[in-house]
Structure formats: structure tokens, C-alpha cells
Amino acid sequence: MVIPKVGFLFDVDGTLTYYRGVDSVVDLLLVNDLEKIRKFNHPIWLVTGRNVKWVQEVFFEHLNEELTSYMNVMGEYGLISNFQGKRKKRRLPKETTETLQKVRDLSIELLCEARELECIVSEEKPDKRCLWIEPKEVMLTIRTLPFYGLTTELFLRILEPIIEEYKDKLDFASNPYAIDILPKGINKKIAVEKAIALSDPNKEIDNWFAFGDSEADYEMGKTKKHSVTYYHVPRDISPKAHNIIEKVLTGKHPEGSKLM
């Protein structure tokens, strides 16, 4: 049987990794699946809110060199890409860039004053009570520290005036681990369309299969430009994703998740 050429799109946090507290731990079962996909010569994209540097320096540490050089990355919801070793930053209107910077400064100032916090910018989880900002090139990511009562719900309440004022210019995406502030209209649907256009300019791949665990990941299956089947895999249930990948690699096409 001839297995058709397909492509794969993966969220990272909560999909290829699982959470231990607020720490993201690599899921070795799915890492093995990535290696199988590579051996079939199917394209692989990581479509994530993380910055490309984190993916390359932290996540890739758990993968072999052949696999890391094979995979491509859409970081920060597609604002930063790394395709075949070439890194590219999406150009934004000057007004958007200035608005992002202004909201970044206002948000950090408001949160620090409201809870008397020191701001720490770090990839690693701080070992003390503080405002934890994850390094990004374009967007702003505010990480939660639930142990100290610094939750998404608390931060959203404090940021409510800023969210209301800038809701027409920026998107505020949240989950239990972080709040992402990014340009309006930037999402994983746009990132996936860009990824597929780069990988398959001649439209030789009939089907793409996307995997994610959060509300933002549903966007990957909403593109009308390409055939993308999205599978919503709850956090920490990697065998479900593994079983789907196994079926796809044998030429089957399991039914996808219902899009939100």
C-alpha cells in the first residue's frame, strides 16, 4: 500500500510536553513519534506561543540532532518562524509595535503595583514571589505562580481596564499557566497557513494533521485554504495522540475533534 504524503502540526506545551506544576516536561512517547514521522519524510511544524529560542535551546535538548534539524518552528503564534534553519520575524505596522510596547509597560507596572511585585524576565520558573515575564521577541507573556496566589484569574481582574481599552487593537489569550498579549488577528490559524505555504508551495500534500490541547490550538483546524484535521488531546493524555499518529502513519485518517 502506498501511504499518501501528509504533514504534521504540533502545539508544544501540554501536547508534546506535560505539566508538572507550571513546569513543562517533555513527553518521550510523543518524541518517539516525531522520529517515526521524520523517517517517513513527512514535514513537521511546531506551532507554539513559545519563542523560537526556547524551543531550540530547551525543547530540542531532548531530541536528537537529526530530528531537530528536520523540524520547523512557528514561534509566538507565527510572529517568529524558523524554516529550514532560516529565522524570520514578521513585520508589523509601526502603530501596532508601539501599542504592544505601551501595553507591555502599563501591564507590568499595574501588576507590580497592585501586588507589590518585583518583575523578573526569565525562561526558568522563579523560586520566589514575583511577576514572572517569559522572554518574547514580539508578544508579551505573563506567567502565573499559583503557589503564591498569582493566578490567571487574579491577573485578568487587575488588567481589566487595560484589556477593555485595547481590546480592539490587541488580543489577550489566557490559560491556567499564562496570559499572552499579541497583535489583533494573530493566531494559530494564520501561523498554520504560513507554515503550510512554506513547506508545500506546490500543494503536493493532501492532508495535514494538527494536535493541540488548549482553546487557542483549535485555530489550527479552522483554515479554509488547506485540508487540516485537528485533534484536541487533553493535557497529560499523550497515548491518545500517539494512537492517532500511529493510524495516520499507516494511511488512515481518523475523525478529527469538533472545532469550537
Protein backbone atom coordinates (compact mmCIF):
# COMPACT_ATOMS: atom_id res chain seq x y z
CA MET A 1 0.00 0.00 0.00
CA VAL A 2 1.29 3.45 -0.92
CA ILE A 3 0.99 5.79 2.06
CA PRO A 4 -0.02 9.31 0.92
CA LYS A 5 2.20 12.25 1.74
CA VAL A 6 0.87 14.06 4.78
CA GLY A 7 2.10 16.80 7.12
CA PHE A 8 2.04 17.25 10.89
CA LEU A 9 1.48 20.34 13.05
CA PHE A 10 2.06 20.22 16.80
CA ASP A 11 1.48 22.56 19.68
CA VAL A 12 4.32 22.17 22.21
CA ASP A 13 3.25 22.91 25.80
CA GLY A 14 0.65 20.43 27.02
CA THR A 15 0.86 18.44 23.78
CA LEU A 16 4.45 17.36 23.22
CA THR A 17 5.09 18.13 26.87
CA TYR A 18 3.05 17.67 30.02
CA TYR A 19 2.84 19.94 33.03
CA ARG A 20 4.33 19.26 36.42
CA GLY A 21 3.13 22.27 38.36
CA VAL A 22 3.94 25.13 35.98
CA ASP A 23 6.97 23.32 34.56
CA SER A 24 6.77 21.84 31.07
CA VAL A 25 8.23 18.31 30.85
CA VAL A 26 8.95 16.60 27.52
CA ASP A 27 6.72 13.62 26.69
CA LEU A 28 9.12 10.92 25.47
CA LEU A 29 6.33 8.80 23.95
CA LEU A 30 5.49 11.58 21.52
CA VAL A 31 9.15 12.40 20.91
CA ASN A 32 9.49 8.84 19.60
CA ASP A 33 6.50 9.51 17.34
CA LEU A 34 8.23 12.59 15.94
CA GLU A 35 11.18 10.40 15.00
CA LYS A 36 8.85 7.95 13.23
CA ILE A 37 7.27 10.82 11.29
CA ARG A 38 10.72 12.04 10.23
CA LYS A 39 11.64 8.58 8.94
CA PHE A 40 8.51 8.66 6.75
CA ASN A 41 9.76 12.02 5.45
CA HIS A 42 6.55 13.83 6.39
CA PRO A 43 7.01 17.54 7.23
CA ILE A 44 6.76 18.55 10.90
CA TRP A 45 5.96 22.00 12.23
CA LEU A 46 5.89 23.07 15.87
CA VAL A 47 3.24 25.79 16.16
CA THR A 48 3.61 27.40 19.57
CA GLY A 49 3.25 30.52 21.65
CA ARG A 50 6.79 29.93 22.91
CA ASN A 51 9.68 31.85 21.44
CA VAL A 52 11.87 30.08 18.91
CA LYS A 53 14.92 30.39 21.14
CA TRP A 54 13.22 28.42 23.93
CA VAL A 55 12.21 25.68 21.52
CA GLN A 56 15.75 25.37 20.18
CA GLU A 57 17.59 25.65 23.48
CA VAL A 58 15.21 23.85 25.86
CA PHE A 59 12.81 21.57 24.00
CA PHE A 60 15.36 20.48 21.37
CA GLU A 61 17.75 19.40 24.13
CA HIS A 62 15.63 16.25 24.48
CA LEU A 63 15.74 15.38 20.77
CA ASN A 64 18.50 14.02 18.55
CA GLU A 65 20.27 16.29 16.08
CA GLU A 66 18.68 14.70 13.02
CA LEU A 67 15.21 15.43 14.34
CA THR A 68 15.91 18.99 15.49
CA SER A 69 17.40 19.92 12.11
CA TYR A 70 14.41 18.34 10.35
CA MET A 71 11.61 20.15 12.19
CA ASN A 72 10.46 23.72 11.58
CA VAL A 73 9.08 26.16 14.14
CA MET A 74 6.36 28.80 14.17
CA GLY A 75 7.02 30.66 17.41
CA GLU A 76 4.93 33.33 19.13
CA TYR A 77 1.83 32.30 17.15
CA GLY A 78 3.72 32.72 13.88
CA LEU A 79 5.29 36.10 14.63
CA ILE A 80 8.72 34.42 14.53
CA SER A 81 9.46 31.46 12.24
CA ASN A 82 12.39 29.15 11.71
CA PHE A 83 12.14 27.29 8.40
CA GLN A 84 14.99 25.09 7.18
CA GLY A 85 17.36 26.89 9.53
CA LYS A 86 16.35 30.38 8.41
CA ARG A 87 14.79 32.59 11.04
CA LYS A 88 12.30 35.29 10.06
CA LYS A 89 10.41 37.90 12.06
CA ARG A 90 7.03 39.08 10.88
CA ARG A 91 6.88 42.77 10.08
CA LEU A 92 4.20 44.65 11.95
CA PRO A 93 2.84 48.18 11.43
CA LYS A 94 4.69 50.76 13.50
CA GLU A 95 1.49 51.65 15.35
CA THR A 96 0.99 48.01 16.38
CA THR A 97 4.56 47.69 17.64
CA GLU A 98 4.23 50.89 19.65
CA THR A 99 0.88 49.78 21.11
CA LEU A 100 2.34 46.45 22.17
CA GLN A 101 5.24 48.15 23.91
CA LYS A 102 2.92 50.61 25.65
CA VAL A 103 0.60 47.86 26.88
CA ARG A 104 3.57 45.78 27.98
CA ASP A 105 4.86 48.65 30.14
CA LEU A 106 1.40 49.50 31.51
CA SER A 107 0.59 45.87 32.34
CA ILE A 108 3.84 45.23 34.15
CA GLU A 109 3.56 48.48 36.10
CA LEU A 110 -0.07 47.83 37.08
CA LEU A 111 0.52 44.23 38.20
CA CYS A 112 3.67 45.08 40.14
CA GLU A 113 1.98 47.96 41.96
CA ALA A 114 -1.24 46.04 42.68
CA ARG A 115 0.55 43.13 44.34
CA GLU A 116 3.88 44.75 45.29
CA LEU A 117 5.86 42.50 42.99
CA GLU A 118 9.33 42.60 41.52
CA CYS A 119 9.36 41.91 37.77
CA ILE A 120 11.60 39.02 36.67
CA VAL A 121 12.12 38.15 33.00
CA SER A 122 13.18 34.52 32.77
CA GLU A 123 12.69 31.25 30.87
CA GLU A 124 13.03 29.39 34.16
CA LYS A 125 10.41 29.41 36.88
CA PRO A 126 11.47 31.89 39.61
CA ASP A 127 11.90 30.47 43.10
CA LYS A 128 10.21 33.40 44.79
CA ARG A 129 7.06 35.51 44.68
CA CYS A 130 7.35 37.93 41.75
CA LEU A 131 5.84 38.97 38.43
CA TRP A 132 7.21 36.34 36.05
CA ILE A 133 7.55 37.53 32.45
CA GLU A 134 8.55 34.97 29.84
CA PRO A 135 11.05 36.36 27.28
CA LYS A 136 9.49 37.04 23.88
CA GLU A 137 10.66 38.99 20.85
CA VAL A 138 7.28 40.48 19.96
CA MET A 139 4.38 39.46 22.19
CA LEU A 140 4.08 39.69 25.97
CA THR A 141 3.63 36.57 28.10
CA ILE A 142 2.80 36.88 31.79
CA ARG A 143 3.31 33.56 33.57
CA THR A 144 1.36 32.52 36.65
CA LEU A 145 2.74 31.37 40.00
CA PRO A 146 -0.29 29.72 41.68
CA PHE A 147 1.74 28.66 44.72
CA TYR A 148 1.96 32.36 45.64
CA GLY A 149 -1.66 33.07 44.69
CA LEU A 150 -0.61 34.71 41.42
CA THR A 151 -3.20 33.12 39.16
CA THR A 152 -4.62 33.87 35.73
CA GLU A 153 -7.93 34.92 37.29
CA LEU A 154 -6.21 37.42 39.59
CA PHE A 155 -4.10 38.92 36.80
CA LEU A 156 -7.10 39.26 34.47
CA ARG A 157 -9.05 41.14 37.15
CA ILE A 158 -6.18 43.57 37.68
CA LEU A 159 -5.63 44.01 33.93
CA GLU A 160 -9.32 44.50 33.16
CA PRO A 161 -9.06 48.28 32.49
CA ILE A 162 -6.17 47.73 30.05
CA ILE A 163 -7.92 44.84 28.32
CA GLU A 164 -11.05 46.93 27.89
CA GLU A 165 -9.15 49.92 26.50
CA TYR A 166 -7.07 47.95 23.99
CA LYS A 167 -9.41 45.07 23.08
CA ASP A 168 -9.87 46.41 19.54
CA LYS A 169 -6.13 46.56 18.88
CA LEU A 170 -4.72 43.58 20.77
CA ASP A 171 -5.75 40.05 21.71
CA PHE A 172 -5.47 38.81 25.29
CA ALA A 173 -5.31 34.99 25.34
CA SER A 174 -5.23 33.19 28.66
CA ASN A 175 -4.89 29.69 30.12
CA PRO A 176 -4.08 28.45 33.64
CA TYR A 177 -0.35 28.96 33.04
CA ALA A 178 -0.09 32.29 31.26
CA ILE A 179 -1.64 35.36 29.70
CA ASP A 180 -0.47 36.20 26.17
CA ILE A 181 -0.85 39.71 24.77
CA LEU A 182 -0.39 39.88 20.99
CA PRO A 183 -1.46 41.84 17.91
CA LYS A 184 -5.11 41.57 16.89
CA GLY A 185 -5.71 38.78 14.41
CA ILE A 186 -2.51 36.88 15.17
CA ASN A 187 -3.41 33.28 15.96
CA LYS A 188 -2.53 29.68 15.17
CA LYS A 189 -4.78 29.62 12.09
CA ILE A 190 -2.60 32.28 10.48
CA ALA A 191 0.55 30.52 11.70
CA VAL A 192 -0.55 27.21 10.19
CA GLU A 193 -1.38 28.79 6.84
CA LYS A 194 2.06 30.37 6.73
CA ALA A 195 3.75 27.10 7.73
CA ILE A 196 1.96 25.06 5.06
CA ALA A 197 2.69 27.65 2.37
CA LEU A 198 6.40 27.43 3.19
CA SER A 199 6.53 23.62 3.36
CA ASP A 200 4.25 22.82 0.44
CA PRO A 201 4.31 25.67 -2.13
CA ASN A 202 3.26 23.28 -4.93
CA LYS A 203 0.38 21.83 -2.89
CA GLU A 204 1.60 18.25 -3.15
CA ILE A 205 0.44 17.30 0.37
CA ASP A 206 -3.24 16.35 0.52
CA ASN A 207 -3.77 16.29 4.28
CA TRP A 208 -2.26 17.91 7.35
CA PHE A 209 -2.84 16.67 10.90
CA ALA A 210 -2.70 19.09 13.84
CA PHE A 211 -2.50 18.31 17.56
CA GLY A 212 -3.14 20.63 20.49
CA ASP A 213 -4.57 20.86 23.99
CA SER A 214 -5.84 24.41 24.53
CA GLU A 215 -8.57 26.67 23.19
CA ALA A 216 -6.02 28.59 21.12
CA ASP A 217 -5.00 25.37 19.36
CA TYR A 218 -8.45 24.88 17.81
CA GLU A 219 -7.50 27.68 15.41
CA MET A 220 -5.12 25.29 13.64
CA GLY A 221 -8.06 23.38 12.22
CA LYS A 222 -10.02 26.42 11.04
CA THR A 223 -8.07 27.26 7.91
CA LYS A 224 -10.09 27.07 4.68
CA LYS A 225 -7.00 27.26 2.48
CA HIS A 226 -5.75 23.76 3.28
CA SER A 227 -7.04 20.38 4.44
CA VAL A 228 -6.14 20.31 8.15
CA THR A 229 -7.66 17.79 10.56
CA TYR A 230 -7.34 18.95 14.15
CA TYR A 231 -7.14 16.59 17.14
CA HIS A 232 -7.79 18.05 20.56
CA VAL A 233 -5.83 15.99 23.07
CA PRO A 234 -6.41 16.85 26.76
CA ARG A 235 -3.27 17.57 28.74
CA ASP A 236 -1.40 14.54 30.06
CA ILE A 237 -3.24 12.06 27.80
CA SER A 238 -0.44 11.54 25.28
CA PRO A 239 -1.42 7.91 24.43
CA LYS A 240 -4.45 9.34 22.62
CA ALA A 241 -2.22 11.45 20.36
CA HIS A 242 0.17 8.53 19.95
CA ASN A 243 -2.62 6.24 18.74
CA ILE A 244 -3.84 8.80 16.22
CA ILE A 245 -0.31 9.32 14.86
CA GLU A 246 0.14 5.56 14.51
CA LYS A 247 -3.06 5.35 12.44
CA VAL A 248 -2.10 8.28 10.22
CA LEU A 249 1.31 6.74 9.52
CA THR A 250 -0.41 3.60 8.25
CA GLY A 251 -2.53 5.59 5.81
CA LYS A 252 -5.68 6.00 7.91
CA HIS A 253 -7.49 9.28 8.53
CA PRO A 254 -9.14 9.28 12.00
CA GLU A 255 -12.01 11.69 12.53
CA GLY A 256 -10.87 14.98 13.99
CA SER A 257 -12.16 16.89 17.01
CA LYS A 258 -15.18 19.13 16.73
CA LEU A 259 -13.95 22.69 16.30
CA MET A 260 -15.04 25.32 18.78
